[in-house]
All heavy atoms as atom14 arrays in JSON, in Angstrom:
{
  "sequence": "HLMSREIIASWLRYHSIRDFDRHTLERLAIAGKTAEPGKVIDIVNGH",
  "atom14_mask": [
    [1, 1, 1, 1, 1, 1, 1, 1, 1, 1, 0, 0, 0, 0],
    [1, 1, 1, 1, 1, 1, 1, 1, 0, 0, 0, 0, 0, 0],
    [1, 1, 1, 1, 1, 1, 1, 1, 0, 0, 0, 0, 0, 0],
    [1, 1, 1, 1, 1, 1, 0, 0, 0, 0, 0, 0, 0, 0],
    [1, 1, 1, 1, 1, 1, 1, 1, 1, 1, 1, 0, 0, 0],
    [1, 1, 1, 1, 1, 1, 1, 1, 1, 0, 0, 0, 0, 0],
    [1, 1, 1, 1, 1, 1, 1, 1, 0, 0, 0, 0, 0, 0],
    [1, 1, 1, 1, 1, 1, 1, 1, 0, 0, 0, 0, 0, 0],
    [1, 1, 1, 1, 1, 0, 0, 0, 0, 0, 0, 0, 0, 0],
    [1, 1, 1, 1, 1, 1, 0, 0, 0, 0, 0, 0, 0, 0],
    [1, 1, 1, 1, 1, 1, 1, 1, 1, 1, 1, 1, 1, 1],
    [1, 1, 1, 1, 1, 1, 1, 1, 0, 0, 0, 0, 0, 0],
    [1, 1, 1, 1, 1, 1, 1, 1, 1, 1, 1, 0, 0, 0],
    [1, 1, 1, 1, 1, 1, 1, 1, 1, 1, 1, 1, 0, 0],
    [1, 1, 1, 1, 1, 1, 1, 1, 1, 1, 0, 0, 0, 0],
    [1, 1, 1, 1, 1, 1, 0, 0, 0, 0, 0, 0, 0, 0],
    [1, 1, 1, 1, 1, 1, 1, 1, 0, 0, 0, 0, 0, 0],
    [1, 1, 1, 1, 1, 1, 1, 1, 1, 1, 1, 0, 0, 0],
    [1, 1, 1, 1, 1, 1, 1, 1, 0, 0, 0, 0, 0, 0],
    [1, 1, 1, 1, 1, 1, 1, 1, 1, 1, 1, 0, 0, 0],
    [1, 1, 1, 1, 1, 1, 1, 1, 0, 0, 0, 0, 0, 0],
    [1, 1, 1, 1, 1, 1, 1, 1, 1, 1, 1, 0, 0, 0],
    [1, 1, 1, 1, 1, 1, 1, 1, 1, 1, 0, 0, 0, 0],
    [1, 1, 1, 1, 1, 1, 1, 0, 0, 0, 0, 0, 0, 0],
    [1, 1, 1, 1, 1, 1, 1, 1, 0, 0, 0, 0, 0, 0],
    [1, 1, 1, 1, 1, 1, 1, 1, 1, 0, 0, 0, 0, 0],
    [1, 1, 1, 1, 1, 1, 1, 1, 1, 1, 1, 0, 0, 0],
    [1, 1, 1, 1, 1, 1, 1, 1, 0, 0, 0, 0, 0, 0],
    [1, 1, 1, 1, 1, 0, 0, 0, 0, 0, 0, 0, 0, 0],
    [1, 1, 1, 1, 1, 1, 1, 1, 0, 0, 0, 0, 0, 0],
    [1, 1, 1, 1, 1, 0, 0, 0, 0, 0, 0, 0, 0, 0],
    [1, 1, 1, 1, 0, 0, 0, 0, 0, 0, 0, 0, 0, 0],
    [1, 1, 1, 1, 1, 1, 1, 1, 1, 0, 0, 0, 0, 0],
    [1, 1, 1, 1, 1, 1, 1, 0, 0, 0, 0, 0, 0, 0],
    [1, 1, 1, 1, 1, 0, 0, 0, 0, 0, 0, 0, 0, 0],
    [1, 1, 1, 1, 1, 1, 1, 1, 1, 0, 0, 0, 0, 0],
    [1, 1, 1, 1, 1, 1, 1, 0, 0, 0, 0, 0, 0, 0],
    [1, 1, 1, 1, 0, 0, 0, 0, 0, 0, 0, 0, 0, 0],
    [1, 1, 1, 1, 1, 1, 1, 1, 1, 0, 0, 0, 0, 0],
    [1, 1, 1, 1, 1, 1, 1, 0, 0, 0, 0, 0, 0, 0],
    [1, 1, 1, 1, 1, 1, 1, 1, 0, 0, 0, 0, 0, 0],
    [1, 1, 1, 1, 1, 1, 1, 1, 0, 0, 0, 0, 0, 0],
    [1, 1, 1, 1, 1, 1, 1, 1, 0, 0, 0, 0, 0, 0],
    [1, 1, 1, 1, 1, 1, 1, 0, 0, 0, 0, 0, 0, 0],
    [1, 1, 1, 1, 1, 1, 1, 1, 0, 0, 0, 0, 0, 0],
    [1, 1, 1, 1, 0, 0, 0, 0, 0, 0, 0, 0, 0, 0],
    [1, 1, 1, 1, 1, 1, 1, 1, 1, 1, 0, 0, 0, 0]
  ],
  "atom14_positions": [
    [[0.81, -1.22, 0.0], [0.0, 0.0, 0.0], [0.85, 1.28, 0.0], [0.57, 2.22, -0.76], [-0.95, 0.0, 1.2], [-1.85, 1.19, 1.22], [-2.77, 1.44, 0.22], [-1.97, 2.22, 2.11], [-3.41, 2.56, 0.49], [-2.96, 3.05, 1.62], [0.0, 0.0, 0.0], [0.0, 0.0, 0.0], [0.0, 0.0, 0.0], [0.0, 0.0, 0.0]],
    [[1.88, 1.33, 0.84], [2.7, 2.53, 0.89], [3.38, 2.79, -0.45], [3.49, 3.93, -0.9], [3.75, 2.41, 2.0], [3.23, 2.48, 3.44], [4.37, 2.3, 4.43], [2.53, 3.81, 3.7], [0.0, 0.0, 0.0], [0.0, 0.0, 0.0], [0.0, 0.0, 0.0], [0.0, 0.0, 0.0], [0.0, 0.0, 0.0], [0.0, 0.0, 0.0]],
    [[3.82, 1.72, -1.09], [4.46, 1.88, -2.39], [3.45, 2.33, -3.44], [3.77, 3.15, -4.31], [5.14, 0.58, -2.83], [5.95, 0.72, -4.11], [6.76, -0.84, -4.59], [7.89, -1.03, -3.21], [0.0, 0.0, 0.0], [0.0, 0.0, 0.0], [0.0, 0.0, 0.0], [0.0, 0.0, 0.0], [0.0, 0.0, 0.0], [0.0, 0.0, 0.0]],
    [[2.23, 1.83, -3.36], [1.23, 2.22, -4.34], [0.92, 3.71, -4.24], [0.68, 4.36, -5.26], [-0.05, 1.39, -4.14], [-0.69, 1.71, -2.92], [0.0, 0.0, 0.0], [0.0, 0.0, 0.0], [0.0, 0.0, 0.0], [0.0, 0.0, 0.0], [0.0, 0.0, 0.0], [0.0, 0.0, 0.0], [0.0, 0.0, 0.0], [0.0, 0.0, 0.0]],
    [[0.95, 4.26, -3.04], [0.73, 5.71, -2.9], [1.87, 6.49, -3.55], [1.64, 7.54, -4.18], [0.6, 6.08, -1.43], [-0.67, 5.58, -0.77], [-0.96, 6.31, 0.51], [0.19, 6.45, 1.39], [0.12, 6.93, 2.62], [-1.04, 7.34, 3.11], [1.2, 7.01, 3.37], [0.0, 0.0, 0.0], [0.0, 0.0, 0.0], [0.0, 0.0, 0.0]],
    [[3.1, 6.03, -3.39], [4.24, 6.7, -4.0], [4.18, 6.6, -5.52], [4.53, 7.55, -6.23], [5.55, 6.11, -3.49], [5.91, 6.53, -2.07], [6.19, 8.03, -1.98], [6.52, 8.65, -3.02], [6.05, 8.58, -0.88], [0.0, 0.0, 0.0], [0.0, 0.0, 0.0], [0.0, 0.0, 0.0], [0.0, 0.0, 0.0], [0.0, 0.0, 0.0]],
    [[3.74, 5.46, -6.03], [3.6, 5.3, -7.48], [2.55, 6.26, -8.01], [2.74, 6.92, -9.05], [3.23, 3.84, -7.83], [4.41, 2.9, -7.53], [2.8, 3.74, -9.29], [5.63, 3.15, -8.38], [0.0, 0.0, 0.0], [0.0, 0.0, 0.0], [0.0, 0.0, 0.0], [0.0, 0.0, 0.0], [0.0, 0.0, 0.0], [0.0, 0.0, 0.0]],
    [[1.43, 6.39, -7.3], [0.39, 7.33, -7.71], [0.95, 8.76, -7.72], [0.73, 9.52, -8.68], [-0.83, 7.26, -6.77], [-1.6, 5.95, -6.97], [-1.74, 8.46, -6.98], [-2.38, 5.87, -8.26], [0.0, 0.0, 0.0], [0.0, 0.0, 0.0], [0.0, 0.0, 0.0], [0.0, 0.0, 0.0], [0.0, 0.0, 0.0], [0.0, 0.0, 0.0]],
    [[1.69, 9.13, -6.68], [2.27, 10.48, -6.61], [3.22, 10.72, -7.77], [3.18, 11.78, -8.41], [2.99, 10.67, -5.27], [0.0, 0.0, 0.0], [0.0, 0.0, 0.0], [0.0, 0.0, 0.0], [0.0, 0.0, 0.0], [0.0, 0.0, 0.0], [0.0, 0.0, 0.0], [0.0, 0.0, 0.0], [0.0, 0.0, 0.0], [0.0, 0.0, 0.0]],
    [[4.08, 9.75, -8.08], [5.02, 9.9, -9.19], [4.29, 9.96, -10.52], [4.67, 10.73, -11.43], [6.0, 8.72, -9.19], [6.77, 8.7, -8.01], [0.0, 0.0, 0.0], [0.0, 0.0, 0.0], [0.0, 0.0, 0.0], [0.0, 0.0, 0.0], [0.0, 0.0, 0.0], [0.0, 0.0, 0.0], [0.0, 0.0, 0.0], [0.0, 0.0, 0.0]],
    [[3.25, 9.18, -10.67], [2.43, 9.15, -11.89], [1.8, 10.52, -12.14], [1.84, 11.06, -13.25], [1.38, 8.07, -11.72], [0.52, 7.77, -12.91], [0.91, 7.63, -14.21], [-0.89, 7.52, -12.88], [-0.18, 7.31, -15.0], [-1.3, 7.23, -14.2], [-1.84, 7.48, -11.86], [-2.62, 6.93, -14.53], [-3.15, 7.17, -12.19], [-3.54, 6.91, -13.51]],
    [[1.22, 11.09, -11.07], [0.58, 12.4, -11.21], [1.61, 13.47, -11.58], [1.37, 14.3, -12.47], [-0.11, 12.78, -9.9], [-1.27, 11.88, -9.45], [-1.87, 12.41, -8.15], [-2.34, 11.77, -10.52], [0.0, 0.0, 0.0], [0.0, 0.0, 0.0], [0.0, 0.0, 0.0], [0.0, 0.0, 0.0], [0.0, 0.0, 0.0], [0.0, 0.0, 0.0]],
    [[2.76, 13.47, -10.89], [3.79, 14.49, -11.18], [4.31, 14.36, -12.61], [4.57, 15.36, -13.27], [4.94, 14.35, -10.19], [4.6, 14.76, -8.76], [5.85, 14.84, -7.91], [5.54, 15.1, -6.52], [5.46, 14.16, -5.58], [5.69, 12.89, -5.89], [5.17, 14.47, -4.34], [0.0, 0.0, 0.0], [0.0, 0.0, 0.0], [0.0, 0.0, 0.0]],
    [[4.48, 13.12, -13.05], [4.98, 12.91, -14.41], [4.05, 13.55, -15.43], [4.5, 14.07, -16.46], [5.12, 11.41, -14.7], [5.68, 11.11, -16.07], [7.06, 11.07, -16.28], [4.83, 10.89, -17.16], [7.58, 10.83, -17.56], [5.35, 10.64, -18.42], [6.72, 10.61, -18.61], [7.24, 10.37, -19.87], [0.0, 0.0, 0.0], [0.0, 0.0, 0.0]],
    [[2.76, 13.55, -15.13], [1.76, 14.11, -16.03], [1.36, 15.53, -15.62], [0.25, 15.98, -15.95], [0.54, 13.19, -16.1], [0.84, 11.86, -16.73], [0.89, 11.69, -18.1], [1.17, 10.65, -16.2], [1.2, 10.42, -18.38], [1.38, 9.77, -17.24], [0.0, 0.0, 0.0], [0.0, 0.0, 0.0], [0.0, 0.0, 0.0], [0.0, 0.0, 0.0]],
    [[2.28, 16.19, -14.89], [2.14, 17.62, -14.53], [0.91, 17.9, -13.68], [0.3, 18.97, -13.77], [2.1, 18.48, -15.8], [3.28, 18.31, -16.55], [0.0, 0.0, 0.0], [0.0, 0.0, 0.0], [0.0, 0.0, 0.0], [0.0, 0.0, 0.0], [0.0, 0.0, 0.0], [0.0, 0.0, 0.0], [0.0, 0.0, 0.0], [0.0, 0.0, 0.0]],
    [[0.53, 16.95, -12.84], [-0.56, 17.15, -11.88], [0.06, 17.27, -10.5], [0.72, 16.35, -10.03], [-1.57, 15.99, -11.91], [-2.15, 15.83, -13.31], [-2.68, 16.21, -10.88], [-3.04, 14.6, -13.47], [0.0, 0.0, 0.0], [0.0, 0.0, 0.0], [0.0, 0.0, 0.0], [0.0, 0.0, 0.0], [0.0, 0.0, 0.0], [0.0, 0.0, 0.0]],
    [[-0.15, 18.43, -9.85], [0.46, 18.67, -8.55], [-0.58, 19.23, -7.59], [-1.77, 19.14, -7.85], [1.65, 19.62, -8.7], [2.8, 18.99, -9.51], [3.94, 19.96, -9.75], [5.09, 19.3, -10.33], [5.22, 18.99, -11.61], [4.27, 19.29, -12.46], [6.31, 18.38, -12.06], [0.0, 0.0, 0.0], [0.0, 0.0, 0.0], [0.0, 0.0, 0.0]],
    [[-0.14, 19.71, -6.45], [-1.03, 20.28, -5.43], [-1.97, 19.26, -4.82], [-3.02, 19.61, -4.29], [-1.83, 21.47, -5.99], [-0.93, 22.64, -6.36], [0.04, 22.88, -5.62], [-1.19, 23.29, -7.38], [0.0, 0.0, 0.0], [0.0, 0.0, 0.0], [0.0, 0.0, 0.0], [0.0, 0.0, 0.0], [0.0, 0.0, 0.0], [0.0, 0.0, 0.0]],
    [[-1.62, 17.99, -4.91], [-2.41, 16.97, -4.21], [-1.85, 16.8, -2.81], [-0.75, 17.25, -2.49], [-2.36, 15.65, -4.98], [-0.96, 15.2, -5.33], [-0.16, 14.54, -4.41], [-0.43, 15.46, -6.59], [1.13, 14.14, -4.72], [0.86, 15.06, -6.92], [1.64, 14.4, -5.98], [0.0, 0.0, 0.0], [0.0, 0.0, 0.0], [0.0, 0.0, 0.0]],
    [[-2.62, 16.12, -1.94], [-2.17, 15.87, -0.57], [-2.25, 14.39, -0.26], [-2.61, 13.57, -1.12], [-2.97, 16.7, 0.43], [-4.47, 16.45, 0.33], [-4.86, 15.39, -0.21], [-5.25, 17.31, 0.79], [0.0, 0.0, 0.0], [0.0, 0.0, 0.0], [0.0, 0.0, 0.0], [0.0, 0.0, 0.0], [0.0, 0.0, 0.0], [0.0, 0.0, 0.0]],
    [[-1.95, 14.03, 0.98], [-1.92, 12.61, 1.37], [-3.31, 11.96, 1.25], [-3.42, 10.77, 0.93], [-1.38, 12.45, 2.79], [-2.24, 13.05, 3.88], [-1.79, 12.58, 5.27], [-0.48, 13.07, 5.58], [-0.23, 14.22, 6.19], [-1.24, 15.01, 6.52], [0.98, 14.59, 6.46], [0.0, 0.0, 0.0], [0.0, 0.0, 0.0], [0.0, 0.0, 0.0]],
    [[-4.34, 12.74, 1.5], [-5.7, 12.18, 1.43], [-6.07, 11.83, -0.01], [-6.7, 10.8, -0.27], [-6.7, 13.19, 2.01], [-6.4, 13.59, 3.41], [-6.46, 12.68, 4.46], [-6.03, 14.77, 3.95], [-6.13, 13.3, 5.58], [-5.86, 14.56, 5.3], [0.0, 0.0, 0.0], [0.0, 0.0, 0.0], [0.0, 0.0, 0.0], [0.0, 0.0, 0.0]],
    [[-5.65, 12.67, -0.95], [-5.88, 12.37, -2.36], [-5.14, 11.12, -2.79], [-5.69, 10.26, -3.48], [-5.44, 13.56, -3.24], [-6.17, 14.73, -2.86], [-5.68, 13.27, -4.72], [0.0, 0.0, 0.0], [0.0, 0.0, 0.0], [0.0, 0.0, 0.0], [0.0, 0.0, 0.0], [0.0, 0.0, 0.0], [0.0, 0.0, 0.0], [0.0, 0.0, 0.0]],
    [[-3.89, 11.0, -2.37], [-3.1, 9.81, -2.71], [-3.74, 8.55, -2.13], [-3.79, 7.51, -2.79], [-1.67, 9.96, -2.19], [-0.83, 11.09, -2.79], [0.55, 11.12, -2.15], [-0.72, 10.93, -4.3], [0.0, 0.0, 0.0], [0.0, 0.0, 0.0], [0.0, 0.0, 0.0], [0.0, 0.0, 0.0], [0.0, 0.0, 0.0], [0.0, 0.0, 0.0]],
    [[-4.25, 8.66, -0.91], [-4.89, 7.51, -0.27], [-6.14, 7.09, -1.05], [-6.37, 5.9, -1.31], [-5.26, 7.88, 1.17], [-5.83, 6.75, 2.0], [-4.78, 5.76, 2.45], [-3.57, 6.06, 2.33], [-5.16, 4.67, 2.93], [0.0, 0.0, 0.0], [0.0, 0.0, 0.0], [0.0, 0.0, 0.0], [0.0, 0.0, 0.0], [0.0, 0.0, 0.0]],
    [[-6.96, 8.07, -1.43], [-8.18, 7.76, -2.18], [-7.88, 7.07, -3.5], [-8.52, 6.08, -3.88], [-8.98, 9.05, -2.45], [-9.7, 9.64, -1.27], [-10.65, 10.76, -1.7], [-10.0, 11.88, -2.34], [-10.06, 12.15, -3.64], [-10.76, 11.35, -4.46], [-9.45, 13.22, -4.15], [0.0, 0.0, 0.0], [0.0, 0.0, 0.0], [0.0, 0.0, 0.0]],
    [[-6.89, 7.61, -4.21], [-6.56, 7.07, -5.52], [-5.94, 5.68, -5.42], [-6.24, 4.81, -6.25], [-5.6, 8.02, -6.24], [-6.16, 9.41, -6.58], [-5.07, 10.27, -7.2], [-7.35, 9.31, -7.51], [0.0, 0.0, 0.0], [0.0, 0.0, 0.0], [0.0, 0.0, 0.0], [0.0, 0.0, 0.0], [0.0, 0.0, 0.0], [0.0, 0.0, 0.0]],
    [[-5.09, 5.48, -4.42], [-4.45, 4.17, -4.26], [-5.5, 3.09, -3.95], [-5.46, 1.99, -4.51], [-3.4, 4.23, -3.16], [0.0, 0.0, 0.0], [0.0, 0.0, 0.0], [0.0, 0.0, 0.0], [0.0, 0.0, 0.0], [0.0, 0.0, 0.0], [0.0, 0.0, 0.0], [0.0, 0.0, 0.0], [0.0, 0.0, 0.0], [0.0, 0.0, 0.0]],
    [[-6.42, 3.42, -3.07], [-7.46, 2.45, -2.7], [-8.38, 2.19, -3.9], [-8.71, 1.03, -4.21], [-8.26, 2.95, -1.49], [-7.37, 2.96, -0.25], [-9.51, 2.09, -1.27], [-8.02, 3.57, 0.98], [0.0, 0.0, 0.0], [0.0, 0.0, 0.0], [0.0, 0.0, 0.0], [0.0, 0.0, 0.0], [0.0, 0.0, 0.0], [0.0, 0.0, 0.0]],
    [[-8.79, 3.26, -4.57], [-9.68, 3.08, -5.72], [-9.0, 2.3, -6.83], [-9.63, 1.47, -7.5], [-10.13, 4.45, -6.24], [0.0, 0.0, 0.0], [0.0, 0.0, 0.0], [0.0, 0.0, 0.0], [0.0, 0.0, 0.0], [0.0, 0.0, 0.0], [0.0, 0.0, 0.0], [0.0, 0.0, 0.0], [0.0, 0.0, 0.0], [0.0, 0.0, 0.0]],
    [[-7.7, 2.55, -7.03], [-6.97, 1.84, -8.08], [-6.94, 0.35, -7.86], [-6.85, -0.42, -8.83], [0.0, 0.0, 0.0], [0.0, 0.0, 0.0], [0.0, 0.0, 0.0], [0.0, 0.0, 0.0], [0.0, 0.0, 0.0], [0.0, 0.0, 0.0], [0.0, 0.0, 0.0], [0.0, 0.0, 0.0], [0.0, 0.0, 0.0], [0.0, 0.0, 0.0]],
    [[-7.06, -0.07, -6.62], [-7.01, -1.49, -6.3], [-8.39, -2.13, -6.14], [-8.55, -3.34, -6.38], [-6.2, -1.71, -5.02], [-4.74, -1.36, -5.14], [-3.96, -1.72, -3.88], [-2.47, -1.46, -4.07], [-1.66, -1.95, -2.93], [0.0, 0.0, 0.0], [0.0, 0.0, 0.0], [0.0, 0.0, 0.0], [0.0, 0.0, 0.0], [0.0, 0.0, 0.0]],
    [[-9.37, -1.35, -5.73], [-10.65, -1.95, -5.32], [-11.87, -1.48, -6.12], [-12.91, -2.15, -6.08], [-10.93, -1.66, -3.84], [-11.09, -0.24, -3.65], [-9.77, -2.15, -2.97], [0.0, 0.0, 0.0], [0.0, 0.0, 0.0], [0.0, 0.0, 0.0], [0.0, 0.0, 0.0], [0.0, 0.0, 0.0], [0.0, 0.0, 0.0], [0.0, 0.0, 0.0]],
    [[-11.8, -0.34, -6.81], [-12.99, 0.2, -7.47], [-13.41, -0.64, -8.67], [-12.59, -1.28, -9.33], [-12.73, 1.65, -7.9], [0.0, 0.0, 0.0], [0.0, 0.0, 0.0], [0.0, 0.0, 0.0], [0.0, 0.0, 0.0], [0.0, 0.0, 0.0], [0.0, 0.0, 0.0], [0.0, 0.0, 0.0], [0.0, 0.0, 0.0], [0.0, 0.0, 0.0]],
    [[-14.71, -0.61, -8.97], [-15.23, -1.31, -10.13], [-14.81, -0.59, -11.41], [-14.7, 0.64, -11.43], [-16.76, -1.37, -10.06], [-17.31, -2.22, -8.93], [-17.03, -3.71, -9.15], [-17.01, -4.13, -10.34], [-16.84, -4.42, -8.16], [0.0, 0.0, 0.0], [0.0, 0.0, 0.0], [0.0, 0.0, 0.0], [0.0, 0.0, 0.0], [0.0, 0.0, 0.0]],
    [[-14.58, -1.33, -12.49], [-14.25, -0.69, -13.76], [-15.33, 0.32, -14.16], [-16.53, 0.07, -13.98], [-14.21, -1.87, -14.74], [-13.84, -3.04, -13.89], [-14.52, -2.81, -12.57], [0.0, 0.0, 0.0], [0.0, 0.0, 0.0], [0.0, 0.0, 0.0], [0.0, 0.0, 0.0], [0.0, 0.0, 0.0], [0.0, 0.0, 0.0], [0.0, 0.0, 0.0]],
    [[-14.88, 1.47, -14.65], [-15.79, 2.53, -15.02], [-15.9, 3.63, -13.98], [-16.41, 4.72, -14.26], [0.0, 0.0, 0.0], [0.0, 0.0, 0.0], [0.0, 0.0, 0.0], [0.0, 0.0, 0.0], [0.0, 0.0, 0.0], [0.0, 0.0, 0.0], [0.0, 0.0, 0.0], [0.0, 0.0, 0.0], [0.0, 0.0, 0.0], [0.0, 0.0, 0.0]],
    [[-15.39, 3.37, -12.79], [-15.43, 4.37, -11.72], [-14.48, 5.52, -12.06], [-13.36, 5.31, -12.52], [-14.99, 3.73, -10.39], [-15.03, 4.67, -9.2], [-16.44, 4.95, -8.73], [-16.44, 5.73, -7.42], [-17.82, 6.05, -6.99], [0.0, 0.0, 0.0], [0.0, 0.0, 0.0], [0.0, 0.0, 0.0], [0.0, 0.0, 0.0], [0.0, 0.0, 0.0]],
    [[-14.92, 6.77, -11.81], [-14.11, 7.96, -12.07], [-13.87, 8.68, -10.74], [-14.81, 8.96, -10.0], [-14.79, 8.92, -13.07], [-13.98, 10.19, -13.23], [-14.97, 8.22, -14.42], [0.0, 0.0, 0.0], [0.0, 0.0, 0.0], [0.0, 0.0, 0.0], [0.0, 0.0, 0.0], [0.0, 0.0, 0.0], [0.0, 0.0, 0.0], [0.0, 0.0, 0.0]],
    [[-12.6, 8.95, -10.45], [-12.21, 9.57, -9.18], [-11.66, 10.96, -9.44], [-10.71, 11.12, -10.23], [-11.13, 8.73, -8.44], [-11.51, 7.24, -8.44], [-10.92, 9.26, -7.03], [-12.77, 6.91, -7.7], [0.0, 0.0, 0.0], [0.0, 0.0, 0.0], [0.0, 0.0, 0.0], [0.0, 0.0, 0.0], [0.0, 0.0, 0.0], [0.0, 0.0, 0.0]],
    [[-12.21, 11.98, -8.79], [-11.68, 13.34, -8.92], [-10.32, 13.43, -8.24], [-10.1, 12.86, -7.16], [-12.62, 14.35, -8.27], [-13.89, 14.55, -9.09], [-13.82, 14.42, -10.32], [-14.95, 14.82, -8.48], [0.0, 0.0, 0.0], [0.0, 0.0, 0.0], [0.0, 0.0, 0.0], [0.0, 0.0, 0.0], [0.0, 0.0, 0.0], [0.0, 0.0, 0.0]],
    [[-9.41, 14.19, -8.86], [-8.07, 14.37, -8.29], [-7.94, 15.81, -7.8], [-8.18, 16.11, -6.64], [-6.97, 14.03, -9.32], [-7.18, 12.61, -9.85], [-5.58, 14.14, -8.68], [-6.22, 12.22, -10.97], [0.0, 0.0, 0.0], [0.0, 0.0, 0.0], [0.0, 0.0, 0.0], [0.0, 0.0, 0.0], [0.0, 0.0, 0.0], [0.0, 0.0, 0.0]],
    [[-7.57, 16.74, -8.71], [-7.42, 18.15, -8.36], [-7.42, 18.96, -9.65], [-7.0, 18.47, -10.7], [-6.11, 18.39, -7.56], [-4.89, 18.1, -8.42], [-6.04, 19.8, -6.99], [0.0, 0.0, 0.0], [0.0, 0.0, 0.0], [0.0, 0.0, 0.0], [0.0, 0.0, 0.0], [0.0, 0.0, 0.0], [0.0, 0.0, 0.0], [0.0, 0.0, 0.0]],
    [[-7.96, 20.18, -9.59], [-7.93, 21.11, -10.73], [-8.5, 20.51, -12.01], [-7.96, 20.7, -13.1], [-6.49, 21.6, -10.98], [-5.94, 22.37, -9.8], [-6.67, 23.07, -9.11], [-4.64, 22.25, -9.56], [0.0, 0.0, 0.0], [0.0, 0.0, 0.0], [0.0, 0.0, 0.0], [0.0, 0.0, 0.0], [0.0, 0.0, 0.0], [0.0, 0.0, 0.0]],
    [[-9.6, 19.77, -11.89], [-10.27, 19.23, -13.07], [-9.72, 17.92, -13.58], [-10.24, 17.37, -14.56], [0.0, 0.0, 0.0], [0.0, 0.0, 0.0], [0.0, 0.0, 0.0], [0.0, 0.0, 0.0], [0.0, 0.0, 0.0], [0.0, 0.0, 0.0], [0.0, 0.0, 0.0], [0.0, 0.0, 0.0], [0.0, 0.0, 0.0], [0.0, 0.0, 0.0]],
    [[-8.67, 17.39, -12.97], [-8.11, 16.11, -13.39], [-8.83, 14.96, -12.69], [-9.26, 15.09, -11.54], [-6.61, 16.05, -13.06], [-5.8, 17.07, -13.79], [-5.51, 16.97, -15.14], [-5.23, 18.22, -13.37], [-4.78, 17.99, -15.52], [-4.6, 18.78, -14.47], [0.0, 0.0, 0.0], [0.0, 0.0, 0.0], [0.0, 0.0, 0.0], [0.0, 0.0, 0.0]]
  ]
}
């Protein structure tokens, strides 16, 4: 889990998405592993 959060953070930065916090990383990491296909998760600034 801890590594998945870091991967999400690196993924976002690589695609020029910043200003996220630990809560956003937690939401995305959990959704990436458990959400049903088709689910859309808000990140920040329209992403």
